[in-house]
Amino acid sequence: MSIQPKSPTMSPEEVATILRSIGVHTSATRIREGISQGKYPFGIVIQFATPIYEIYRKDFEAWALEKFYVSENELYSAVS
């Protein structure tokens, strides 16, 4: 998977990959469900025939850095 740290948005797959790299047991499906249920504050779902997930990198990073006590470098180093 190619990760582009400068992109302002992320995919559920990218979020799951980053979280797994720091030891969180998760999946893209779980990320989608968490966003849909309002459990994750870093993204939204837009309801179409196929839902579209917008995950905002800045919000994800702020959330992850607070929840997991890792540096921004650690957040991306394992998946670069």
Protein backbone atom coordinates (compact mmCIF):
# COMPACT_ATOMS: atom_id res chain seq x y z
CA MET A 1 0.00 0.00 0.00
CA SER A 2 1.31 3.42 -0.92
CA ILE A 3 0.79 5.99 1.81
CA GLN A 4 0.97 9.68 0.97
CA PRO A 5 1.42 11.61 4.24
CA LYS A 6 0.73 14.96 2.57
CA SER A 7 -2.73 14.03 1.29
CA PRO A 8 -5.44 15.77 3.38
CA THR A 9 -7.68 12.69 3.38
CA MET A 10 -7.14 9.01 4.03
CA SER A 11 -8.86 5.76 3.16
CA PRO A 12 -10.22 3.35 5.79
CA GLU A 13 -7.57 0.90 4.58
CA GLU A 14 -4.78 3.41 5.22
CA VAL A 15 -6.09 4.19 8.72
CA ALA A 16 -6.31 0.47 9.53
CA THR A 17 -2.76 -0.13 8.25
CA ILE A 18 -1.35 2.69 10.38
CA LEU A 19 -3.22 1.57 13.50
CA ARG A 20 -2.15 -2.05 13.03
CA SER A 21 1.46 -0.87 12.71
CA ILE A 22 1.28 0.53 16.25
CA GLY A 23 -0.38 -2.58 17.66
CA VAL A 24 -4.10 -1.85 17.37
CA HIS A 25 -6.17 -4.85 16.26
CA THR A 26 -8.46 -3.33 13.64
CA SER A 27 -9.55 -3.52 10.02
CA ALA A 28 -10.87 -1.22 7.32
CA THR A 29 -14.35 -2.65 7.96
CA ARG A 30 -14.10 -1.77 11.64
CA ILE A 31 -12.93 1.75 10.78
CA ARG A 32 -15.91 2.19 8.42
CA GLU A 33 -18.35 0.97 11.06
CA GLY A 34 -16.82 3.17 13.75
CA ILE A 35 -17.16 6.23 11.54
CA SER A 36 -20.73 5.28 10.57
CA GLN A 37 -21.66 4.91 14.25
CA GLY A 38 -20.01 8.19 15.24
CA LYS A 39 -17.39 6.42 17.39
CA TYR A 40 -14.39 7.87 15.53
CA PRO A 41 -14.20 11.68 15.37
CA PHE A 42 -11.82 11.84 12.41
CA GLY A 43 -14.15 11.04 9.54
CA ILE A 44 -17.62 11.20 8.08
CA VAL A 45 -19.74 8.95 5.91
CA ILE A 46 -21.70 10.30 2.98
CA GLN A 47 -24.64 8.05 2.19
CA PHE A 48 -24.94 7.08 -1.47
CA ALA A 49 -25.78 3.70 -3.00
CA THR A 50 -22.20 2.90 -1.95
CA PRO A 51 -21.23 4.95 1.13
CA ILE A 52 -18.26 7.29 0.78
CA TYR A 53 -15.94 7.74 3.75
CA GLU A 54 -13.99 10.97 4.16
CA ILE A 55 -11.27 10.61 6.75
CA TYR A 56 -9.40 13.78 7.54
CA ARG A 57 -5.69 13.20 8.10
CA LYS A 58 -5.28 16.15 10.50
CA ASP A 59 -8.16 14.91 12.68
CA PHE A 60 -6.94 11.30 12.55
CA GLU A 61 -3.41 12.32 13.54
CA ALA A 62 -4.62 14.45 16.45
CA TRP A 63 -6.85 11.61 17.68
CA ALA A 64 -4.17 8.92 17.30
CA LEU A 65 -1.43 11.01 18.92
CA GLU A 66 -3.68 11.65 21.93
CA LYS A 67 -5.00 8.09 22.27
CA PHE A 68 -1.82 6.10 21.71
CA TYR A 69 1.02 8.30 23.02
CA VAL A 70 3.10 7.92 19.87
CA SER A 71 4.93 10.59 17.93
CA GLU A 72 3.90 11.56 14.42
CA ASN A 73 7.07 9.88 13.14
CA GLU A 74 6.16 6.65 14.95
CA LEU A 75 2.66 6.83 13.51
CA TYR A 76 4.00 6.67 9.96
CA SER A 77 7.42 5.01 10.30
CA ALA A 78 6.19 1.42 10.31
CA VAL A 79 4.15 1.85 7.13
CA SER A 80 6.39 4.10 5.03
